[in-house]
Every structure is written in C-alpha cells, then in structure tokens.
Amino acid sequence: MKHVSILVPEEEIVQNTVISIIGAYKMFSVANEYLERRGQPPAFKISLVGSSKKVDLYGGLFSIQPDTIFTTVKKTDLILIPPTELNPVNVKRNEIFASWIVNQYKQGAEVASLCTGAFILASTGLLDGKTCSTHWLAAEKFKQNFPNVNLVADKVITEEKGIYTNGGAYSFLNLLLHLVEKYCGREIAIFCSKVGEIDINRNCQSPFHIFIGQKNHLDEPVKMAQQFIENNITEKLCVEDLAVKYGLSKRNFERRFKKATANTPAEYILRAKIEYAKKNLETGHKNVNDVMYELGYSDRKAFRSSFKKVTGILPLEYRKKYNNELVAVTERSP
C-alpha cells in the first residue's frame, strides 16, 4: 500500500487549493473502492498533512482539518503539493515544509506539484536542472524566481526522477490519473477517468494559453513598441523598422525587448498575431483562410505551422473546438 501525503499549505487558501486537495483525496479513494469491490486490498493510504490541526479558509468561512502533522510523518511514498497563492508571504510561510519534502524525497518518496504548487516544490531546490510545468498565467513569474529550472509551460505533465509537475487549474486531474495508472495500472486509471468524466490523454495546455504581453516593466520604448505591435497586428511588422521607430539599434532593441518581456520582438509579434487569429476563429463567420490573409500570410503551410507552434493544434481544429456557432451547429446535427 502506498502512503500518499496531501500537503495542506499554510495560507488563506485559494479556491483551486481546496479543489485540488479534495480532488486528489477523491481520485485515490475511487481507485481504492474499485479494488475493494473486486476483493483486493486498497492501493493507497491517504493522509492530509499540515503544520497544524486546522487551517481556516476565507476568513474562517471554511476550514480544512489535516489528520497528520507533517513532522510526525517519518516515511511516505508520495507527496502532493497543491496550488498556492503567489505572494511573498505565502512563499515564506510554506518554507517550513521544504526540509521535510527534501528528506522524504531522499528516502525514496516521489513528489508531485499541482498547478502553482510548483513554486513550493521549486523553493526546495529539487527542481533545479529538471523540467517543470505550472499554470501558463504564472509562467513568467516562475522563470524570474527559478531560473535554474527548465520550465515547459505547454506541458500538462512532466516526470523526471520521481518528481512530477503539471499545468494549470483542473489539469491536475490528468496528473492524478497518470499517478493512478503508474501505481495501479491502465484499467483502474480508465475507470477513474470515466467516473470523473476526465479526458485521460490530454498532454498539452497550449490551446488554453491567452497571450497577455508582459508590460509590467519600466522600459518605455519597449512598452511603446508592444502597444504599436498590438494596435497594428494585421500589418507587416519588421523588427528593424520598430527599432528605428523608437531610436534604437536592432541589436539593442532586441536585447531590451527580451529583457523586459521575456520574448524576442519576433516571438512577441508571432504570439500577438496568433492571439488575434484565435479570437477571430472563436467567434463569427471568418474561416481559417480569411484570418490567415488578414494577418498577412499568403502561405497556408506557414500559417498552419506558426499556429500549431503556439497553440499545439492546427487552426481548423481550434475553430471547430471553440467557435460557438460551429459548436451549436454540431450539437443540433442528428
């Protein structure tokens, strides 16, 4: 039997923290129930592990009562770290778990972070030199805080040397299914996916990304260039012309742009164009060719390749999936 320790962070817990804790407890419980109905012993002993016997939520409106204080857990097989609010106070408050997580890992425990729980995991140093995912909204902040970690924010699940991470929000369910399959087999994982109505094979969160250009910086020429790009997204945009427009050499412009936004100017232009394409494919009657030509593409293959590079899927697939009128037609079809 695997001992699973679900961490209860010290904080005014955010909604996704509560959902992740309950979801993890439920997922492993469903796997146990499946085995027990077949006369087999349960696969998991599940514990909520915290630093106190009660953690209040939302000013005391709700609470979670861990059944175990983490310092009393001498040996566990799997530690789950749920999402946490991203602020310096919470990071500091949860440093108390770091040495315990590291010691358990050294004793053979596996460790999994859910969504922004990657920030707690990364603060232990266990992710240094390894790949990691987190919510796409938190990607830039994660890169700034943990430059020694190889962030792959398009991935739903990463796994390396007994350490797991996953993408944003409800994608934590995919990581839980992955762990159930690893410990109990495909059959039980499929059963859990059907009970929870979860797409078991989702492995990319890129289609969910919304590109919001990083403007929380003080480099005014770069900020002006960002605004110009977004206001003229259907025009042909040249990096060299932008540099001249804002009185900089191309090399200096590219260096400052990358430092301020975490994207090169060319990457920023591409991502802004694809975000424009996504919004137009999601609503209205424009087809893929209409959007492609509007953005200045004449080569269908090049547009399809650029779109898939950013979103993980082809533009036609994206339109079929997200266009409200197409979905309505599909639902009405016999």
Protein backbone atom coordinates (compact mmCIF):
# COMPACT_ATOMS: atom_id res chain seq x y z
CA MET A 1 0.00 0.00 0.00
CA LYS A 2 1.32 3.45 -0.99
CA HIS A 3 1.18 6.16 1.64
CA VAL A 4 0.01 9.41 -0.01
CA SER A 5 0.61 12.69 1.83
CA ILE A 6 -1.55 15.52 0.52
CA LEU A 7 0.01 18.74 1.75
CA VAL A 8 -2.24 21.43 3.25
CA PRO A 9 -0.33 24.71 2.77
CA GLU A 10 -0.26 27.45 5.39
CA GLU A 11 -2.24 30.31 3.86
CA GLU A 12 -5.61 31.84 3.23
CA ILE A 13 -6.12 29.09 0.73
CA VAL A 14 -7.29 29.95 -2.78
CA GLN A 15 -10.18 28.15 -4.43
CA ASN A 16 -8.01 25.85 -6.55
CA THR A 17 -6.09 24.74 -3.46
CA VAL A 18 -9.27 23.40 -1.87
CA ILE A 19 -10.43 21.81 -5.12
CA SER A 20 -7.05 20.12 -5.66
CA ILE A 21 -6.94 18.72 -2.14
CA ILE A 22 -10.47 17.34 -2.38
CA GLY A 23 -9.90 16.13 -5.95
CA ALA A 24 -6.74 14.24 -5.02
CA TYR A 25 -8.39 12.66 -1.99
CA LYS A 26 -11.36 11.61 -4.14
CA MET A 27 -9.26 10.23 -7.02
CA PHE A 28 -7.20 7.90 -4.83
CA SER A 29 -10.33 6.93 -2.90
CA VAL A 30 -12.11 5.93 -6.13
CA ALA A 31 -9.12 3.75 -7.06
CA ASN A 32 -9.29 2.10 -3.62
CA GLU A 33 -13.04 1.50 -3.98
CA TYR A 34 -12.51 -0.13 -7.36
CA LEU A 35 -10.02 -2.58 -5.87
CA GLU A 36 -12.08 -3.28 -2.77
CA ARG A 37 -15.18 -4.15 -4.86
CA ARG A 38 -13.04 -6.83 -6.50
CA GLY A 39 -11.89 -8.26 -3.23
CA GLN A 40 -8.41 -6.72 -3.45
CA PRO A 41 -6.68 -4.62 -0.79
CA PRO A 42 -6.66 -0.82 -1.26
CA ALA A 43 -3.65 0.66 -3.07
CA PHE A 44 -3.44 3.89 -1.11
CA LYS A 45 -3.42 5.14 2.45
CA ILE A 46 -4.33 8.81 2.13
CA SER A 47 -3.37 11.49 4.66
CA LEU A 48 -3.92 15.24 4.75
CA VAL A 49 -0.64 16.58 6.08
CA GLY A 50 -0.28 20.08 7.52
CA SER A 51 1.59 22.11 10.09
CA SER A 52 -1.47 22.49 12.33
CA LYS A 53 -4.68 20.63 13.08
CA LYS A 54 -6.86 23.25 11.42
CA VAL A 55 -6.37 25.65 8.51
CA ASP A 56 -9.01 28.38 8.13
CA LEU A 57 -10.11 29.50 4.69
CA TYR A 58 -11.69 32.73 3.52
CA GLY A 59 -11.68 34.40 6.92
CA GLY A 60 -12.90 31.27 8.71
CA LEU A 61 -15.88 30.61 6.42
CA PHE A 62 -14.42 27.18 5.59
CA SER A 63 -11.64 25.10 7.09
CA ILE A 64 -9.54 22.03 6.39
CA GLN A 65 -8.50 19.77 9.25
CA PRO A 66 -5.31 17.85 8.43
CA ASP A 67 -5.28 14.45 10.10
CA THR A 68 -1.49 14.44 10.48
CA ILE A 69 1.17 17.00 11.43
CA PHE A 70 3.92 16.77 8.80
CA THR A 71 6.75 16.49 11.35
CA THR A 72 5.26 13.22 12.63
CA VAL A 73 5.35 11.60 9.17
CA LYS A 74 8.63 9.70 9.18
CA LYS A 75 8.11 7.88 5.86
CA THR A 76 5.74 8.45 2.95
CA ASP A 77 5.65 7.26 -0.66
CA LEU A 78 4.10 10.23 -2.44
CA ILE A 79 3.78 13.91 -1.53
CA LEU A 80 1.21 16.03 -3.37
CA ILE A 81 1.70 19.81 -3.24
CA PRO A 82 -1.49 21.72 -4.18
CA PRO A 83 -1.65 25.23 -5.71
CA THR A 84 -0.86 28.22 -3.55
CA GLU A 85 -1.44 31.95 -3.75
CA LEU A 86 1.57 33.59 -5.39
CA ASN A 87 2.79 36.20 -2.95
CA PRO A 88 5.97 36.55 -0.84
CA VAL A 89 4.07 36.00 2.43
CA ASN A 90 2.76 32.60 1.38
CA VAL A 91 6.13 31.50 0.00
CA LYS A 92 7.74 32.39 3.32
CA ARG A 93 5.03 30.66 5.36
CA ASN A 94 5.43 27.42 3.42
CA GLU A 95 9.22 27.23 3.72
CA ILE A 96 8.60 25.15 6.85
CA PHE A 97 7.76 22.18 4.61
CA ALA A 98 10.92 22.39 2.47
CA SER A 99 13.37 20.31 4.51
CA TRP A 100 10.70 17.68 5.20
CA ILE A 101 9.91 17.35 1.48
CA VAL A 102 13.63 17.07 0.63
CA ASN A 103 14.25 14.47 3.36
CA GLN A 104 11.28 12.38 2.23
CA TYR A 105 12.50 12.52 -1.37
CA LYS A 106 15.96 11.36 -0.30
CA GLN A 107 14.29 8.43 1.46
CA GLY A 108 12.58 7.38 -1.76
CA ALA A 109 9.33 9.34 -1.78
CA GLU A 110 8.03 10.73 -5.05
CA VAL A 111 6.87 14.36 -5.12
CA ALA A 112 4.18 15.92 -7.30
CA SER A 113 3.17 19.58 -7.56
CA LEU A 114 -0.23 20.63 -8.83
CA CYS A 115 -0.52 23.90 -10.81
CA THR A 116 1.23 26.70 -8.87
CA GLY A 117 2.30 24.22 -6.20
CA ALA A 118 5.39 24.15 -8.42
CA PHE A 119 6.53 27.32 -6.63
CA ILE A 120 6.67 25.48 -3.29
CA LEU A 121 8.38 22.49 -4.92
CA ALA A 122 10.92 24.69 -6.72
CA SER A 123 11.76 26.51 -3.48
CA THR A 124 13.12 23.20 -2.11
CA GLY A 125 15.79 23.07 -4.85
CA LEU A 126 14.57 19.66 -6.03
CA LEU A 127 13.55 21.06 -9.43
CA ASP A 128 16.94 22.64 -10.22
CA GLY A 129 18.15 21.31 -13.56
CA LYS A 130 14.87 19.47 -14.15
CA THR A 131 11.84 20.13 -16.34
CA CYS A 132 8.72 21.58 -14.79
CA SER A 133 5.27 22.85 -15.73
CA THR A 134 2.86 25.21 -13.98
CA HIS A 135 -0.14 27.37 -14.86
CA TRP A 136 0.58 29.34 -18.03
CA LEU A 137 -0.51 32.52 -16.24
CA ALA A 138 2.31 32.07 -13.72
CA ALA A 139 5.00 31.06 -16.23
CA GLU A 140 6.88 34.36 -16.44
CA LYS A 141 6.86 34.83 -12.67
CA PHE A 142 8.15 31.29 -12.25
CA LYS A 143 11.01 31.89 -14.70
CA GLN A 144 12.02 35.02 -12.83
CA ASN A 145 12.02 33.28 -9.45
CA PHE A 146 13.58 29.96 -10.51
CA PRO A 147 15.99 30.48 -13.44
CA ASN A 148 17.70 27.12 -12.78
CA VAL A 149 14.52 25.18 -13.60
CA ASN A 150 13.65 24.23 -17.18
CA LEU A 151 10.06 25.45 -17.43
CA VAL A 152 7.96 23.84 -20.18
CA ALA A 153 4.67 25.66 -19.65
CA ASP A 154 2.94 23.99 -22.62
CA LYS A 155 3.06 20.58 -20.92
CA VAL A 156 0.22 19.18 -18.81
CA ILE A 157 2.53 16.67 -17.09
CA THR A 158 6.27 16.42 -16.54
CA GLU A 159 8.02 13.49 -14.89
CA GLU A 160 11.71 13.28 -14.02
CA LYS A 161 13.49 11.20 -11.37
CA GLY A 162 10.42 10.71 -9.21
CA ILE A 163 9.31 14.35 -9.42
CA TYR A 164 6.09 15.30 -11.19
CA THR A 165 4.58 18.67 -12.08
CA ASN A 166 1.52 19.68 -14.04
CA GLY A 167 -0.05 22.66 -15.76
CA GLY A 168 -2.83 24.92 -14.65
CA ALA A 169 -6.11 24.68 -12.78
CA TYR A 170 -8.12 21.49 -13.42
CA SER A 171 -5.35 19.81 -15.42
CA PHE A 172 -4.20 18.47 -12.03
CA LEU A 173 -6.75 15.71 -12.63
CA ASN A 174 -4.65 14.46 -15.55
CA LEU A 175 -1.60 14.17 -13.32
CA LEU A 176 -3.63 12.28 -10.73
CA LEU A 177 -4.81 9.83 -13.41
CA HIS A 178 -1.19 9.43 -14.51
CA LEU A 179 -0.18 8.54 -10.95
CA VAL A 180 -3.10 6.11 -10.54
CA GLU A 181 -2.09 4.41 -13.79
CA LYS A 182 1.54 4.18 -12.68
CA TYR A 183 0.68 2.65 -9.30
CA CYS A 184 -2.43 0.62 -10.19
CA GLY A 185 -2.46 0.07 -13.95
CA ARG A 186 -4.32 1.36 -17.01
CA GLU A 187 -7.60 -0.37 -16.24
CA ILE A 188 -8.10 1.42 -12.93
CA ALA A 189 -6.97 4.76 -14.40
CA ILE A 190 -9.57 4.41 -17.18
CA PHE A 191 -12.22 3.60 -14.57
CA CYS A 192 -11.31 6.72 -12.58
CA SER A 193 -11.38 8.83 -15.75
CA LYS A 194 -14.85 7.57 -16.60
CA VAL A 195 -16.19 8.17 -13.09
CA GLY A 196 -14.78 11.71 -13.16
CA GLU A 197 -15.52 12.22 -16.89
CA ILE A 198 -11.91 13.32 -17.44
CA ASP A 199 -10.08 13.20 -20.79
CA ILE A 200 -7.33 10.75 -19.82
CA ASN A 201 -4.87 11.51 -22.62
CA ARG A 202 -4.66 15.32 -22.52
CA ASN A 203 -0.97 16.27 -22.60
CA CYS A 204 -0.81 19.88 -23.78
CA GLN A 205 -2.15 23.10 -22.26
CA SER A 206 -1.07 25.39 -25.11
CA PRO A 207 -4.61 25.72 -26.58
CA PHE A 208 -5.68 27.32 -23.29
CA HIS A 209 -2.96 29.98 -23.24
CA ILE A 210 -4.07 33.58 -23.60
CA PHE A 211 -1.22 35.81 -24.68
CA ILE A 212 -1.02 38.85 -22.43
CA GLY A 213 2.08 40.82 -23.29
CA GLN A 214 4.24 41.49 -20.25
CA LYS A 215 4.04 45.25 -19.68
CA ASN A 216 4.97 45.36 -16.01
CA HIS A 217 8.34 46.95 -16.69
CA LEU A 218 9.85 50.43 -16.90
CA ASP A 219 11.38 50.38 -20.39
CA GLU A 220 9.17 52.96 -22.13
CA PRO A 221 10.44 52.48 -25.73
CA VAL A 222 9.76 48.74 -25.41
CA LYS A 223 6.32 49.38 -23.92
CA MET A 224 5.52 51.74 -26.79
CA ALA A 225 6.71 49.12 -29.30
CA GLN A 226 4.47 46.49 -27.66
CA GLN A 227 1.47 48.79 -27.96
CA PHE A 228 2.32 49.58 -31.59
CA ILE A 229 2.54 45.86 -32.42
CA GLU A 230 -0.85 45.14 -30.81
CA ASN A 231 -2.52 48.15 -32.49
CA ASN A 232 -1.15 47.21 -35.93
CA ILE A 233 -1.28 43.45 -35.75
CA THR A 234 -2.69 42.97 -39.27
CA GLU A 235 0.16 44.98 -40.80
CA LYS A 236 3.52 43.64 -41.91
CA LEU A 237 5.79 44.25 -38.91
CA CYS A 238 9.57 44.35 -39.17
CA VAL A 239 11.84 44.24 -36.12
CA GLU A 240 14.42 46.52 -37.73
CA ASP A 241 11.75 49.13 -38.56
CA LEU A 242 10.48 49.01 -34.97
CA ALA A 243 13.99 49.57 -33.64
CA VAL A 244 14.44 52.62 -35.88
CA LYS A 245 10.99 53.93 -34.94
CA TYR A 246 11.98 54.02 -31.26
CA GLY A 247 15.51 55.30 -31.79
CA LEU A 248 17.45 52.12 -31.05
CA SER A 249 19.83 49.87 -32.92
CA LYS A 250 18.32 46.50 -33.85
CA ARG A 251 20.66 44.65 -31.50
CA ASN A 252 19.96 46.96 -28.56
CA PHE A 253 16.22 46.90 -29.26
CA GLU A 254 16.14 43.09 -29.30
CA ARG A 255 18.19 42.88 -26.10
CA ARG A 256 15.99 45.35 -24.21
CA PHE A 257 12.78 43.83 -25.56
CA LYS A 258 13.79 40.33 -24.45
CA LYS A 259 14.82 41.57 -21.01
CA ALA A 260 11.55 43.47 -20.49
CA THR A 261 9.04 40.98 -21.91
CA ALA A 262 10.81 37.58 -21.82
CA ASN A 263 10.13 37.36 -25.58
CA THR A 264 12.19 38.45 -28.54
CA PRO A 265 10.40 41.03 -30.74
CA ALA A 266 9.82 38.36 -33.39
CA GLU A 267 8.33 35.98 -30.81
CA TYR A 268 6.12 38.76 -29.48
CA ILE A 269 4.83 39.61 -32.94
CA LEU A 270 4.11 35.95 -33.67
CA ARG A 271 2.30 35.36 -30.39
CA ALA A 272 0.27 38.56 -30.76
CA LYS A 273 -0.74 37.58 -34.31
CA ILE A 274 -1.77 34.09 -33.24
CA GLU A 275 -3.76 35.51 -30.31
CA TYR A 276 -5.59 37.73 -32.81
CA ALA A 277 -6.20 34.67 -35.01
CA LYS A 278 -7.56 32.67 -32.07
CA LYS A 279 -10.08 35.36 -31.11
CA ASN A 280 -11.30 35.62 -34.69
CA LEU A 281 -11.60 31.86 -35.08
CA GLU A 282 -13.54 31.60 -31.82
CA THR A 283 -16.36 33.92 -32.90
CA GLY A 284 -18.13 34.99 -36.07
CA HIS A 285 -18.06 33.61 -39.60
CA LYS A 286 -14.42 34.08 -40.59
CA ASN A 287 -12.81 30.88 -41.79
CA VAL A 288 -9.13 29.98 -41.48
CA ASN A 289 -8.22 31.48 -44.87
CA ASP A 290 -9.95 34.77 -44.04
CA VAL A 291 -7.95 35.13 -40.83
CA MET A 292 -4.73 34.00 -42.46
CA TYR A 293 -4.93 36.60 -45.25
CA GLU A 294 -5.99 39.32 -42.79
CA LEU A 295 -2.80 38.72 -40.81
CA GLY A 296 -0.64 38.99 -43.94
CA TYR A 297 0.06 35.30 -44.51
CA SER A 298 -0.09 34.02 -48.09
CA ASP A 299 1.38 30.58 -47.42
CA ARG A 300 -1.16 28.23 -45.79
CA LYS A 301 1.55 25.83 -44.66
CA ALA A 302 3.48 28.62 -42.93
CA PHE A 303 0.33 29.87 -41.14
CA ARG A 304 -0.65 26.37 -40.02
CA SER A 305 2.88 25.75 -38.77
CA SER A 306 3.02 29.04 -36.86
CA PHE A 307 -0.42 28.49 -35.33
CA LYS A 308 0.42 24.97 -34.18
CA LYS A 309 3.79 26.08 -32.80
CA VAL A 310 2.00 28.48 -30.43
CA THR A 311 -1.23 26.61 -29.63
CA GLY A 312 -0.32 22.95 -30.06
CA ILE A 313 -3.16 22.33 -32.55
CA LEU A 314 -3.99 23.32 -36.13
CA PRO A 315 -6.17 26.39 -36.83
CA LEU A 316 -9.06 24.36 -38.26
CA GLU A 317 -9.08 22.10 -35.19
CA TYR A 318 -9.07 25.18 -32.98
CA ARG A 319 -12.01 26.74 -34.84
CA LYS A 320 -14.05 23.54 -34.65
CA LYS A 321 -13.35 23.27 -30.93
CA TYR A 322 -14.01 26.85 -29.83
CA ASN A 323 -16.23 28.60 -32.38
CA ASN A 324 -19.59 28.97 -30.63
CA GLU A 325 -21.62 28.88 -33.84
CA LEU A 326 -19.92 25.72 -35.11
CA VAL A 327 -20.41 24.02 -31.74
CA ALA A 328 -24.12 24.93 -31.81
CA VAL A 329 -24.50 23.51 -35.33
CA THR A 330 -22.73 20.30 -34.30
CA GLU A 331 -24.99 19.93 -31.27
CA ARG A 332 -28.13 20.36 -33.44
CA SER A 333 -26.95 17.83 -36.03
CA PRO A 334 -28.67 14.42 -35.89
